[in-house]
Amino acid sequence: RIAQDRGNSIVILTGAGGQFIAGIDFPS
């Protein structure tokens, strides 16, 4: 959806709480 939306002029990827991606829930 982000790629298709021409209203997006720049994309910034970041994470909340002072982390980017810190952990994973393997059982899920």
All heavy atoms as atom14 arrays in JSON, in Angstrom:
{
  "sequence": "RIAQDRGNSIVILTGAGGQFIAGIDFPS",
  "atom14_mask": [
    [1, 1, 1, 1, 1, 1, 1, 1, 1, 1, 1, 0, 0, 0],
    [1, 1, 1, 1, 1, 1, 1, 1, 0, 0, 0, 0, 0, 0],
    [1, 1, 1, 1, 1, 0, 0, 0, 0, 0, 0, 0, 0, 0],
    [1, 1, 1, 1, 1, 1, 1, 1, 1, 0, 0, 0, 0, 0],
    [1, 1, 1, 1, 1, 1, 1, 1, 0, 0, 0, 0, 0, 0],
    [1, 1, 1, 1, 1, 1, 1, 1, 1, 1, 1, 0, 0, 0],
    [1, 1, 1, 1, 0, 0, 0, 0, 0, 0, 0, 0, 0, 0],
    [1, 1, 1, 1, 1, 1, 1, 1, 0, 0, 0, 0, 0, 0],
    [1, 1, 1, 1, 1, 1, 0, 0, 0, 0, 0, 0, 0, 0],
    [1, 1, 1, 1, 1, 1, 1, 1, 0, 0, 0, 0, 0, 0],
    [1, 1, 1, 1, 1, 1, 1, 0, 0, 0, 0, 0, 0, 0],
    [1, 1, 1, 1, 1, 1, 1, 1, 0, 0, 0, 0, 0, 0],
    [1, 1, 1, 1, 1, 1, 1, 1, 0, 0, 0, 0, 0, 0],
    [1, 1, 1, 1, 1, 1, 1, 0, 0, 0, 0, 0, 0, 0],
    [1, 1, 1, 1, 0, 0, 0, 0, 0, 0, 0, 0, 0, 0],
    [1, 1, 1, 1, 1, 0, 0, 0, 0, 0, 0, 0, 0, 0],
    [1, 1, 1, 1, 0, 0, 0, 0, 0, 0, 0, 0, 0, 0],
    [1, 1, 1, 1, 0, 0, 0, 0, 0, 0, 0, 0, 0, 0],
    [1, 1, 1, 1, 1, 1, 1, 1, 1, 0, 0, 0, 0, 0],
    [1, 1, 1, 1, 1, 1, 1, 1, 1, 1, 1, 0, 0, 0],
    [1, 1, 1, 1, 1, 1, 1, 1, 0, 0, 0, 0, 0, 0],
    [1, 1, 1, 1, 1, 0, 0, 0, 0, 0, 0, 0, 0, 0],
    [1, 1, 1, 1, 0, 0, 0, 0, 0, 0, 0, 0, 0, 0],
    [1, 1, 1, 1, 1, 1, 1, 1, 0, 0, 0, 0, 0, 0],
    [1, 1, 1, 1, 1, 1, 1, 1, 0, 0, 0, 0, 0, 0],
    [1, 1, 1, 1, 1, 1, 1, 1, 1, 1, 1, 0, 0, 0],
    [1, 1, 1, 1, 1, 1, 1, 0, 0, 0, 0, 0, 0, 0],
    [1, 1, 1, 1, 1, 1, 0, 0, 0, 0, 0, 0, 0, 0]
  ],
  "atom14_positions": [
    [[0.83, -1.21, 0.0], [0.0, 0.0, 0.0], [0.86, 1.26, 0.0], [0.57, 2.23, -0.7], [-0.91, -0.01, 1.22], [-1.91, -1.14, 1.27], [-3.1, -0.85, 0.41], [-4.12, -1.86, 0.57], [-5.38, -1.74, 0.16], [-5.75, -0.62, -0.44], [-6.23, -2.71, 0.32], [0.0, 0.0, 0.0], [0.0, 0.0, 0.0], [0.0, 0.0, 0.0]],
    [[1.9, 1.24, 0.81], [2.8, 2.41, 0.86], [3.42, 2.66, -0.51], [3.5, 3.8, -0.98], [3.89, 2.18, 1.93], [3.27, 2.25, 3.33], [5.02, 3.19, 1.79], [4.18, 1.74, 4.43], [0.0, 0.0, 0.0], [0.0, 0.0, 0.0], [0.0, 0.0, 0.0], [0.0, 0.0, 0.0], [0.0, 0.0, 0.0], [0.0, 0.0, 0.0]],
    [[3.84, 1.58, -1.17], [4.48, 1.72, -2.48], [3.51, 2.26, -3.52], [3.91, 3.0, -4.42], [5.05, 0.37, -2.93], [0.0, 0.0, 0.0], [0.0, 0.0, 0.0], [0.0, 0.0, 0.0], [0.0, 0.0, 0.0], [0.0, 0.0, 0.0], [0.0, 0.0, 0.0], [0.0, 0.0, 0.0], [0.0, 0.0, 0.0], [0.0, 0.0, 0.0]],
    [[2.24, 1.88, -3.42], [1.26, 2.28, -4.42], [0.73, 3.69, -4.22], [0.17, 4.28, -5.15], [0.07, 1.3, -4.4], [0.41, -0.1, -4.87], [0.82, -0.13, -6.33], [0.09, 0.35, -7.18], [1.98, -0.69, -6.61], [0.0, 0.0, 0.0], [0.0, 0.0, 0.0], [0.0, 0.0, 0.0], [0.0, 0.0, 0.0], [0.0, 0.0, 0.0]],
    [[0.89, 4.25, -3.03], [0.27, 5.54, -2.68], [1.16, 6.69, -3.14], [2.2, 6.98, -2.53], [0.06, 5.59, -1.17], [-0.72, 6.82, -0.71], [-0.92, 7.74, -1.53], [-1.11, 6.86, 0.47], [0.0, 0.0, 0.0], [0.0, 0.0, 0.0], [0.0, 0.0, 0.0], [0.0, 0.0, 0.0], [0.0, 0.0, 0.0], [0.0, 0.0, 0.0]],
    [[0.73, 7.38, -4.19], [1.53, 8.48, -4.73], [1.46, 9.73, -3.86], [2.14, 10.72, -4.14], [1.12, 8.77, -6.16], [1.43, 7.63, -7.12], [1.11, 8.0, -8.56], [2.1, 8.89, -9.13], [3.19, 8.5, -9.77], [3.46, 7.2, -9.91], [4.04, 9.38, -10.29], [0.0, 0.0, 0.0], [0.0, 0.0, 0.0], [0.0, 0.0, 0.0]],
    [[0.69, 9.68, -2.8], [0.71, 10.77, -1.83], [1.93, 10.74, -0.92], [2.21, 11.71, -0.22], [0.0, 0.0, 0.0], [0.0, 0.0, 0.0], [0.0, 0.0, 0.0], [0.0, 0.0, 0.0], [0.0, 0.0, 0.0], [0.0, 0.0, 0.0], [0.0, 0.0, 0.0], [0.0, 0.0, 0.0], [0.0, 0.0, 0.0], [0.0, 0.0, 0.0]],
    [[2.67, 9.63, -0.95], [3.9, 9.51, -0.16], [5.07, 10.05, -0.96], [5.4, 9.51, -2.02], [4.15, 8.05, 0.24], [3.04, 7.48, 1.11], [2.48, 8.19, 1.95], [2.72, 6.21, 0.93], [0.0, 0.0, 0.0], [0.0, 0.0, 0.0], [0.0, 0.0, 0.0], [0.0, 0.0, 0.0], [0.0, 0.0, 0.0], [0.0, 0.0, 0.0]],
    [[5.7, 11.08, -0.46], [6.83, 11.7, -1.18], [8.17, 11.19, -0.69], [9.14, 11.14, -1.46], [6.77, 13.21, -1.03], [6.79, 13.59, 0.33], [0.0, 0.0, 0.0], [0.0, 0.0, 0.0], [0.0, 0.0, 0.0], [0.0, 0.0, 0.0], [0.0, 0.0, 0.0], [0.0, 0.0, 0.0], [0.0, 0.0, 0.0], [0.0, 0.0, 0.0]],
    [[8.26, 10.83, 0.59], [9.45, 10.24, 1.22], [8.91, 9.24, 2.24], [7.86, 9.46, 2.84], [10.3, 11.29, 1.97], [10.66, 12.49, 1.09], [11.55, 10.64, 2.57], [11.8, 12.28, 0.13], [0.0, 0.0, 0.0], [0.0, 0.0, 0.0], [0.0, 0.0, 0.0], [0.0, 0.0, 0.0], [0.0, 0.0, 0.0], [0.0, 0.0, 0.0]],
    [[9.63, 8.15, 2.48], [9.24, 7.19, 3.51], [10.37, 7.07, 4.53], [11.53, 6.88, 4.15], [8.91, 5.81, 2.91], [8.67, 4.78, 4.02], [7.69, 5.9, 2.0], [0.0, 0.0, 0.0], [0.0, 0.0, 0.0], [0.0, 0.0, 0.0], [0.0, 0.0, 0.0], [0.0, 0.0, 0.0], [0.0, 0.0, 0.0], [0.0, 0.0, 0.0]],
    [[10.02, 7.2, 5.81], [10.96, 6.99, 6.9], [10.51, 5.76, 7.68], [9.36, 5.68, 8.12], [11.02, 8.21, 7.85], [11.51, 9.46, 7.09], [11.93, 7.92, 9.04], [11.44, 10.74, 7.91], [0.0, 0.0, 0.0], [0.0, 0.0, 0.0], [0.0, 0.0, 0.0], [0.0, 0.0, 0.0], [0.0, 0.0, 0.0], [0.0, 0.0, 0.0]],
    [[11.41, 4.8, 7.85], [11.16, 3.61, 8.66], [11.84, 3.77, 10.01], [13.03, 4.1, 10.07], [11.71, 2.35, 7.98], [11.2, 2.02, 6.59], [11.93, 0.79, 6.04], [9.7, 1.76, 6.61], [0.0, 0.0, 0.0], [0.0, 0.0, 0.0], [0.0, 0.0, 0.0], [0.0, 0.0, 0.0], [0.0, 0.0, 0.0], [0.0, 0.0, 0.0]],
    [[11.11, 3.54, 11.1], [11.7, 3.66, 12.43], [10.94, 2.74, 13.38], [10.02, 2.02, 12.98], [11.68, 5.13, 12.9], [12.52, 5.28, 14.03], [10.27, 5.61, 13.21], [0.0, 0.0, 0.0], [0.0, 0.0, 0.0], [0.0, 0.0, 0.0], [0.0, 0.0, 0.0], [0.0, 0.0, 0.0], [0.0, 0.0, 0.0], [0.0, 0.0, 0.0]],
    [[11.36, 2.73, 14.65], [10.72, 1.89, 15.64], [10.33, 2.69, 16.87], [10.89, 3.75, 17.13], [0.0, 0.0, 0.0], [0.0, 0.0, 0.0], [0.0, 0.0, 0.0], [0.0, 0.0, 0.0], [0.0, 0.0, 0.0], [0.0, 0.0, 0.0], [0.0, 0.0, 0.0], [0.0, 0.0, 0.0], [0.0, 0.0, 0.0], [0.0, 0.0, 0.0]],
    [[9.38, 2.18, 17.61], [8.89, 2.86, 18.81], [9.69, 2.45, 20.04], [10.37, 1.42, 20.05], [7.41, 2.52, 19.03], [0.0, 0.0, 0.0], [0.0, 0.0, 0.0], [0.0, 0.0, 0.0], [0.0, 0.0, 0.0], [0.0, 0.0, 0.0], [0.0, 0.0, 0.0], [0.0, 0.0, 0.0], [0.0, 0.0, 0.0], [0.0, 0.0, 0.0]],
    [[9.61, 3.28, 21.07], [10.19, 2.94, 22.36], [11.69, 2.83, 22.38], [12.26, 2.09, 23.2], [0.0, 0.0, 0.0], [0.0, 0.0, 0.0], [0.0, 0.0, 0.0], [0.0, 0.0, 0.0], [0.0, 0.0, 0.0], [0.0, 0.0, 0.0], [0.0, 0.0, 0.0], [0.0, 0.0, 0.0], [0.0, 0.0, 0.0], [0.0, 0.0, 0.0]],
    [[12.37, 3.55, 21.47], [13.82, 3.54, 21.47], [14.45, 2.29, 20.9], [15.64, 2.04, 21.09], [0.0, 0.0, 0.0], [0.0, 0.0, 0.0], [0.0, 0.0, 0.0], [0.0, 0.0, 0.0], [0.0, 0.0, 0.0], [0.0, 0.0, 0.0], [0.0, 0.0, 0.0], [0.0, 0.0, 0.0], [0.0, 0.0, 0.0], [0.0, 0.0, 0.0]],
    [[13.66, 1.49, 20.15], [14.16, 0.27, 19.52], [13.69, 0.24, 18.08], [12.62, 0.79, 17.76], [13.65, -0.98, 20.24], [13.86, -1.0, 21.74], [15.31, -1.15, 22.15], [16.09, -1.79, 21.45], [15.68, -0.59, 23.29], [0.0, 0.0, 0.0], [0.0, 0.0, 0.0], [0.0, 0.0, 0.0], [0.0, 0.0, 0.0], [0.0, 0.0, 0.0]],
    [[14.43, -0.44, 17.21], [13.94, -0.65, 15.85], [13.05, -1.89, 15.86], [11.85, -1.79, 15.9], [15.1, -0.75, 14.87], [14.66, -0.81, 13.43], [14.1, 0.31, 12.83], [14.8, -1.96, 12.68], [13.66, 0.27, 11.5], [14.39, -2.01, 11.35], [13.82, -0.89, 10.76], [0.0, 0.0, 0.0], [0.0, 0.0, 0.0], [0.0, 0.0, 0.0]],
    [[13.64, -3.07, 15.83], [12.91, -4.32, 16.12], [13.83, -5.16, 16.99], [14.87, -5.62, 16.53], [12.53, -5.09, 14.84], [11.75, -4.21, 13.86], [11.7, -6.32, 15.21], [11.41, -4.9, 12.54], [0.0, 0.0, 0.0], [0.0, 0.0, 0.0], [0.0, 0.0, 0.0], [0.0, 0.0, 0.0], [0.0, 0.0, 0.0], [0.0, 0.0, 0.0]],
    [[13.42, -5.36, 18.23], [14.32, -5.97, 19.21], [14.05, -7.45, 19.44], [14.95, -8.19, 19.83], [14.23, -5.23, 20.54], [0.0, 0.0, 0.0], [0.0, 0.0, 0.0], [0.0, 0.0, 0.0], [0.0, 0.0, 0.0], [0.0, 0.0, 0.0], [0.0, 0.0, 0.0], [0.0, 0.0, 0.0], [0.0, 0.0, 0.0], [0.0, 0.0, 0.0]],
    [[12.81, -7.89, 19.22], [12.48, -9.27, 19.59], [11.47, -9.89, 18.64], [10.86, -9.21, 17.8], [0.0, 0.0, 0.0], [0.0, 0.0, 0.0], [0.0, 0.0, 0.0], [0.0, 0.0, 0.0], [0.0, 0.0, 0.0], [0.0, 0.0, 0.0], [0.0, 0.0, 0.0], [0.0, 0.0, 0.0], [0.0, 0.0, 0.0], [0.0, 0.0, 0.0]],
    [[11.31, -11.19, 18.78], [10.39, -11.94, 17.92], [9.63, -12.96, 18.76], [10.18, -13.54, 19.71], [11.17, -12.63, 16.78], [10.21, -13.32, 15.79], [12.22, -13.59, 17.31], [10.89, -13.78, 14.51], [0.0, 0.0, 0.0], [0.0, 0.0, 0.0], [0.0, 0.0, 0.0], [0.0, 0.0, 0.0], [0.0, 0.0, 0.0], [0.0, 0.0, 0.0]],
    [[8.37, -13.16, 18.43], [7.52, -14.15, 19.1], [7.49, -15.4, 18.21], [6.61, -15.55, 17.36], [6.12, -13.56, 19.29], [5.15, -14.53, 19.96], [5.57, -15.65, 20.31], [3.97, -14.16, 20.13], [0.0, 0.0, 0.0], [0.0, 0.0, 0.0], [0.0, 0.0, 0.0], [0.0, 0.0, 0.0], [0.0, 0.0, 0.0], [0.0, 0.0, 0.0]],
    [[8.44, -16.3, 18.42], [8.52, -17.49, 17.57], [7.26, -18.35, 17.62], [6.79, -18.82, 16.58], [9.74, -18.33, 17.97], [11.05, -17.82, 17.42], [12.04, -17.36, 18.28], [11.31, -17.82, 16.07], [13.25, -16.9, 17.79], [12.51, -17.36, 15.56], [13.49, -16.9, 16.42], [0.0, 0.0, 0.0], [0.0, 0.0, 0.0], [0.0, 0.0, 0.0]],
    [[6.68, -18.61, 18.83], [5.5, -19.49, 18.86], [4.33, -18.99, 18.03], [3.5, -19.8, 17.59], [5.16, -19.54, 20.35], [6.44, -19.28, 21.06], [7.15, -18.29, 20.19], [0.0, 0.0, 0.0], [0.0, 0.0, 0.0], [0.0, 0.0, 0.0], [0.0, 0.0, 0.0], [0.0, 0.0, 0.0], [0.0, 0.0, 0.0], [0.0, 0.0, 0.0]],
    [[4.26, -17.68, 17.79], [3.13, -17.15, 17.02], [3.1, -17.69, 15.6], [2.04, -17.67, 14.95], [3.16, -15.62, 17.01], [4.23, -15.13, 16.21], [0.0, 0.0, 0.0], [0.0, 0.0, 0.0], [0.0, 0.0, 0.0], [0.0, 0.0, 0.0], [0.0, 0.0, 0.0], [0.0, 0.0, 0.0], [0.0, 0.0, 0.0], [0.0, 0.0, 0.0]]
  ]
}
